[in-house]
């Protein structure tokens, strides 16, 4: 359970940095030089990264009740992170114009 809370804390920190300091260029999957609005891309990414953060919080709650489900919940968390990264990478192409 503490693993999921730690991961949720890290993800919510990244979301907060992307949303409240959008001028920072911290995403390595984005070519900021070819965009007109890096602030918009960072806020777009922040909204999408809320999904794995919430999955991690839910996993912490479920793991607290049923510790035998920790391994499947870790895979669920990894899949949610992968989905968020693919969604961000696909959306960046649309926001480049």
N, C-alpha and C. Protein backbone atom coordinates (compact mmCIF):
# COMPACT_ATOMS: atom_id res chain seq x y z
N UNK A 1 0.81 -1.20 0.00
CA UNK A 1 0.00 0.00 0.00
C UNK A 1 0.86 1.27 0.00
N UNK A 2 1.93 1.35 0.78
CA UNK A 2 2.74 2.57 0.74
C UNK A 2 3.38 2.83 -0.62
N UNK A 3 3.61 1.77 -1.40
CA UNK A 3 4.18 1.93 -2.74
C UNK A 3 3.22 2.71 -3.61
N UNK A 4 1.96 2.36 -3.57
CA UNK A 4 0.97 3.05 -4.39
C UNK A 4 0.81 4.51 -3.96
N UNK A 5 0.86 4.76 -2.66
CA UNK A 5 0.74 6.14 -2.19
C UNK A 5 1.96 6.96 -2.61
N UNK A 6 3.13 6.36 -2.59
CA UNK A 6 4.35 7.05 -3.03
C UNK A 6 4.27 7.38 -4.52
N UNK A 7 3.83 6.43 -5.32
CA UNK A 7 3.70 6.66 -6.76
C UNK A 7 2.64 7.73 -7.03
N UNK A 8 1.54 7.69 -6.29
CA UNK A 8 0.50 8.71 -6.45
C UNK A 8 1.03 10.08 -6.09
N UNK A 9 1.84 10.17 -5.05
CA UNK A 9 2.42 11.45 -4.65
C UNK A 9 3.34 11.99 -5.75
N UNK A 10 4.16 11.12 -6.33
CA UNK A 10 5.04 11.54 -7.41
C UNK A 10 4.23 12.01 -8.62
N UNK A 11 3.21 11.24 -9.00
CA UNK A 11 2.40 11.60 -10.16
C UNK A 11 1.63 12.89 -9.94
N UNK A 12 1.06 13.09 -8.75
CA UNK A 12 0.36 14.34 -8.48
C UNK A 12 1.33 15.52 -8.45
N UNK A 13 2.57 15.29 -8.02
CA UNK A 13 3.59 16.34 -8.07
C UNK A 13 3.91 16.74 -9.50
N UNK A 14 4.05 15.74 -10.38
CA UNK A 14 4.31 16.02 -11.80
C UNK A 14 3.13 16.77 -12.42
N UNK A 15 1.92 16.34 -12.09
CA UNK A 15 0.72 17.02 -12.60
C UNK A 15 0.70 18.47 -12.13
N UNK A 16 1.02 18.70 -10.87
CA UNK A 16 1.02 20.07 -10.34
C UNK A 16 2.07 20.92 -11.03
N UNK A 17 3.25 20.36 -11.27
CA UNK A 17 4.30 21.12 -11.96
C UNK A 17 3.88 21.46 -13.38
N UNK A 18 3.31 20.48 -14.08
CA UNK A 18 2.90 20.71 -15.46
C UNK A 18 1.77 21.73 -15.54
N UNK A 19 0.86 21.71 -14.59
CA UNK A 19 -0.30 22.60 -14.67
C UNK A 19 0.02 24.01 -14.16
N UNK A 20 0.72 24.11 -13.03
CA UNK A 20 0.95 25.42 -12.42
C UNK A 20 2.23 26.10 -12.89
N UNK A 21 3.12 25.37 -13.54
CA UNK A 21 4.33 25.97 -14.12
C UNK A 21 4.49 25.44 -15.54
N UNK A 22 3.56 25.80 -16.42
CA UNK A 22 3.57 25.22 -17.77
C UNK A 22 4.73 25.68 -18.65
N UNK A 23 5.44 26.72 -18.23
CA UNK A 23 6.57 27.19 -19.04
C UNK A 23 7.78 26.27 -18.94
N UNK A 24 7.82 25.39 -17.94
CA UNK A 24 8.93 24.45 -17.82
C UNK A 24 8.82 23.37 -18.90
N UNK A 25 9.93 22.96 -19.43
CA UNK A 25 9.94 21.97 -20.51
C UNK A 25 10.48 20.66 -19.94
N UNK A 26 9.61 19.89 -19.29
CA UNK A 26 10.08 18.69 -18.60
C UNK A 26 9.69 17.39 -19.28
N UNK A 27 8.82 17.43 -20.26
CA UNK A 27 8.41 16.20 -20.93
C UNK A 27 9.41 15.85 -22.02
N UNK A 28 9.93 14.63 -21.98
CA UNK A 28 10.93 14.25 -22.98
C UNK A 28 10.30 13.66 -24.23
N UNK A 29 8.99 13.45 -24.25
CA UNK A 29 8.34 12.93 -25.45
C UNK A 29 7.82 14.05 -26.35
N UNK A 30 8.09 15.31 -25.96
CA UNK A 30 7.58 16.46 -26.70
C UNK A 30 8.74 17.26 -27.26
N UNK A 31 8.64 17.60 -28.54
CA UNK A 31 9.61 18.51 -29.16
C UNK A 31 9.06 19.92 -29.01
N UNK A 32 9.49 20.59 -27.96
CA UNK A 32 8.96 21.92 -27.65
C UNK A 32 9.35 22.96 -28.69
N UNK A 33 10.43 22.75 -29.41
CA UNK A 33 10.89 23.73 -30.39
C UNK A 33 9.94 23.83 -31.59
N UNK A 34 9.21 22.78 -31.88
CA UNK A 34 8.33 22.79 -33.05
C UNK A 34 6.89 23.17 -32.71
N UNK A 35 6.67 23.66 -31.50
CA UNK A 35 5.31 24.01 -31.10
C UNK A 35 5.19 25.51 -30.88
N UNK A 36 3.97 26.00 -31.01
CA UNK A 36 3.70 27.41 -30.77
C UNK A 36 3.22 27.63 -29.34
N UNK A 37 2.73 26.56 -28.70
CA UNK A 37 2.16 26.70 -27.37
C UNK A 37 2.64 25.59 -26.44
N UNK A 38 3.84 25.71 -25.88
CA UNK A 38 4.28 24.68 -24.93
C UNK A 38 3.44 24.69 -23.65
N UNK A 39 2.87 25.85 -23.30
CA UNK A 39 2.01 25.89 -22.12
C UNK A 39 0.78 25.03 -22.30
N UNK A 40 0.18 25.10 -23.48
CA UNK A 40 -1.00 24.28 -23.77
C UNK A 40 -0.69 22.79 -23.77
N UNK A 41 0.47 22.44 -24.28
CA UNK A 41 0.86 21.03 -24.29
C UNK A 41 1.06 20.52 -22.87
N UNK A 42 1.71 21.31 -22.03
CA UNK A 42 1.93 20.87 -20.65
C UNK A 42 0.62 20.74 -19.88
N UNK A 43 -0.30 21.65 -20.11
CA UNK A 43 -1.60 21.53 -19.43
C UNK A 43 -2.41 20.36 -19.98
N UNK A 44 -2.28 20.09 -21.26
CA UNK A 44 -2.92 18.91 -21.85
C UNK A 44 -2.36 17.64 -21.22
N UNK A 45 -1.04 17.59 -21.07
CA UNK A 45 -0.39 16.43 -20.47
C UNK A 45 -0.77 16.28 -19.00
N UNK A 46 -0.90 17.39 -18.30
CA UNK A 46 -1.26 17.33 -16.88
C UNK A 46 -2.63 16.70 -16.69
N UNK A 47 -3.55 17.07 -17.55
CA UNK A 47 -4.90 16.49 -17.44
C UNK A 47 -4.88 14.98 -17.70
N UNK A 48 -4.04 14.55 -18.64
CA UNK A 48 -3.98 13.12 -18.96
C UNK A 48 -3.23 12.33 -17.90
N UNK A 49 -2.29 12.95 -17.21
CA UNK A 49 -1.54 12.26 -16.16
C UNK A 49 -2.33 12.12 -14.86
N UNK A 50 -3.48 12.76 -14.80
CA UNK A 50 -4.34 12.55 -13.63
C UNK A 50 -4.90 11.13 -13.59
N UNK A 51 -5.00 10.49 -14.74
CA UNK A 51 -5.55 9.13 -14.79
C UNK A 51 -4.68 8.15 -14.01
N UNK A 52 -3.37 8.04 -14.30
CA UNK A 52 -2.57 7.10 -13.51
C UNK A 52 -2.44 7.51 -12.04
N UNK A 53 -2.50 8.81 -11.76
CA UNK A 53 -2.44 9.25 -10.37
C UNK A 53 -3.67 8.76 -9.59
N UNK A 54 -4.82 8.88 -10.21
CA UNK A 54 -6.05 8.40 -9.57
C UNK A 54 -6.09 6.87 -9.49
N UNK A 55 -5.57 6.21 -10.51
CA UNK A 55 -5.49 4.74 -10.47
C UNK A 55 -4.59 4.31 -9.31
N UNK A 56 -3.51 5.03 -9.10
CA UNK A 56 -2.60 4.69 -8.00
C UNK A 56 -3.28 4.90 -6.64
N UNK A 57 -4.03 5.97 -6.49
CA UNK A 57 -4.76 6.18 -5.24
C UNK A 57 -5.81 5.10 -5.01
N UNK A 58 -6.52 4.76 -6.07
CA UNK A 58 -7.50 3.67 -5.95
C UNK A 58 -6.84 2.34 -5.63
N UNK A 59 -5.69 2.11 -6.21
CA UNK A 59 -4.95 0.87 -5.93
C UNK A 59 -4.49 0.83 -4.49
N UNK A 60 -4.09 1.97 -3.94
CA UNK A 60 -3.69 2.02 -2.54
C UNK A 60 -4.87 1.68 -1.64
N UNK A 61 -6.04 2.20 -1.98
CA UNK A 61 -7.22 1.89 -1.18
C UNK A 61 -7.57 0.41 -1.26
N UNK A 62 -7.55 -0.14 -2.47
CA UNK A 62 -7.89 -1.55 -2.65
C UNK A 62 -6.85 -2.45 -1.98
N UNK A 63 -5.56 -2.08 -2.10
CA UNK A 63 -4.50 -2.89 -1.49
C UNK A 63 -4.58 -2.85 0.03
N UNK A 64 -5.12 -1.78 0.58
CA UNK A 64 -5.31 -1.71 2.02
C UNK A 64 -6.38 -2.67 2.49
N UNK A 65 -7.38 -2.87 1.67
CA UNK A 65 -8.46 -3.79 2.01
C UNK A 65 -8.10 -5.23 1.68
N UNK A 66 -7.54 -5.43 0.48
CA UNK A 66 -7.18 -6.77 0.00
C UNK A 66 -5.71 -6.80 -0.43
N UNK A 67 -4.77 -7.05 0.49
CA UNK A 67 -3.35 -7.03 0.14
C UNK A 67 -2.96 -8.09 -0.89
N UNK A 68 -3.76 -9.13 -1.05
CA UNK A 68 -3.43 -10.17 -2.02
C UNK A 68 -3.59 -9.70 -3.46
N UNK A 69 -4.16 -8.53 -3.69
CA UNK A 69 -4.34 -8.00 -5.04
C UNK A 69 -3.26 -7.01 -5.45
N UNK A 70 -2.17 -6.92 -4.69
CA UNK A 70 -1.15 -5.91 -5.01
C UNK A 70 -0.48 -6.15 -6.36
N UNK A 71 -0.17 -7.38 -6.71
CA UNK A 71 0.51 -7.64 -7.98
C UNK A 71 -0.38 -7.29 -9.18
N UNK A 72 -1.64 -7.71 -9.22
CA UNK A 72 -2.47 -7.27 -10.35
C UNK A 72 -2.67 -5.75 -10.39
N UNK A 73 -2.70 -5.12 -9.23
CA UNK A 73 -2.86 -3.67 -9.20
C UNK A 73 -1.61 -2.95 -9.71
N UNK A 74 -0.45 -3.53 -9.49
CA UNK A 74 0.78 -2.95 -10.06
C UNK A 74 0.72 -2.98 -11.58
N UNK A 75 0.24 -4.10 -12.14
CA UNK A 75 0.11 -4.19 -13.60
C UNK A 75 -0.94 -3.19 -14.11
N UNK A 76 -2.01 -3.02 -13.37
CA UNK A 76 -3.03 -2.04 -13.75
C UNK A 76 -2.44 -0.62 -13.76
N UNK A 77 -1.61 -0.33 -12.77
CA UNK A 77 -0.97 0.98 -12.72
C UNK A 77 -0.02 1.18 -13.89
N UNK A 78 0.76 0.16 -14.21
CA UNK A 78 1.68 0.28 -15.35
C UNK A 78 0.92 0.48 -16.66
N UNK A 79 -0.18 -0.22 -16.82
CA UNK A 79 -0.99 -0.06 -18.04
C UNK A 79 -1.58 1.34 -18.11
N UNK A 80 -2.02 1.88 -16.98
CA UNK A 80 -2.59 3.23 -17.00
C UNK A 80 -1.53 4.28 -17.32
N UNK A 81 -0.30 4.08 -16.86
CA UNK A 81 0.78 5.01 -17.20
C UNK A 81 1.09 4.92 -18.69
N UNK A 82 1.13 3.71 -19.22
CA UNK A 82 1.40 3.53 -20.64
C UNK A 82 0.30 4.17 -21.50
N UNK A 83 -0.94 4.00 -21.11
CA UNK A 83 -2.05 4.60 -21.85
C UNK A 83 -1.95 6.12 -21.81
N UNK A 84 -1.61 6.68 -20.65
CA UNK A 84 -1.50 8.14 -20.54
C UNK A 84 -0.37 8.67 -21.41
N UNK A 85 0.76 7.97 -21.45
CA UNK A 85 1.89 8.43 -22.26
C UNK A 85 1.56 8.36 -23.75
N UNK A 86 0.91 7.30 -24.17
CA UNK A 86 0.52 7.17 -25.58
C UNK A 86 -0.50 8.24 -25.94
N UNK A 87 -1.44 8.51 -25.05
CA UNK A 87 -2.47 9.52 -25.28
C UNK A 87 -1.83 10.91 -25.39
N UNK A 88 -0.85 11.20 -24.53
CA UNK A 88 -0.16 12.48 -24.58
C UNK A 88 0.62 12.60 -25.90
N UNK A 89 1.35 11.55 -26.26
CA UNK A 89 2.15 11.60 -27.48
C UNK A 89 1.27 11.76 -28.71
N UNK A 90 0.12 11.12 -28.74
CA UNK A 90 -0.78 11.26 -29.87
C UNK A 90 -1.42 12.66 -29.90
N UNK A 91 -1.71 13.20 -28.76
CA UNK A 91 -2.35 14.52 -28.70
C UNK A 91 -1.41 15.66 -28.99
N UNK A 92 -0.12 15.46 -28.74
CA UNK A 92 0.85 16.52 -29.01
C UNK A 92 0.90 16.84 -30.48
N UNK A 93 0.77 15.83 -31.33
CA UNK A 93 0.77 16.07 -32.77
C UNK A 93 -0.38 16.97 -33.20
N UNK A 94 -1.50 16.82 -32.53
CA UNK A 94 -2.67 17.65 -32.85
C UNK A 94 -2.47 19.09 -32.36
N UNK A 95 -1.75 19.25 -31.25
CA UNK A 95 -1.57 20.59 -30.67
C UNK A 95 -0.39 21.35 -31.26
N UNK A 96 0.38 20.72 -32.12
CA UNK A 96 1.56 21.38 -32.70
C UNK A 96 1.21 22.50 -33.67
N UNK A 97 0.04 22.46 -34.25
CA UNK A 97 -0.32 23.46 -35.27
C UNK A 97 -0.49 24.84 -34.70
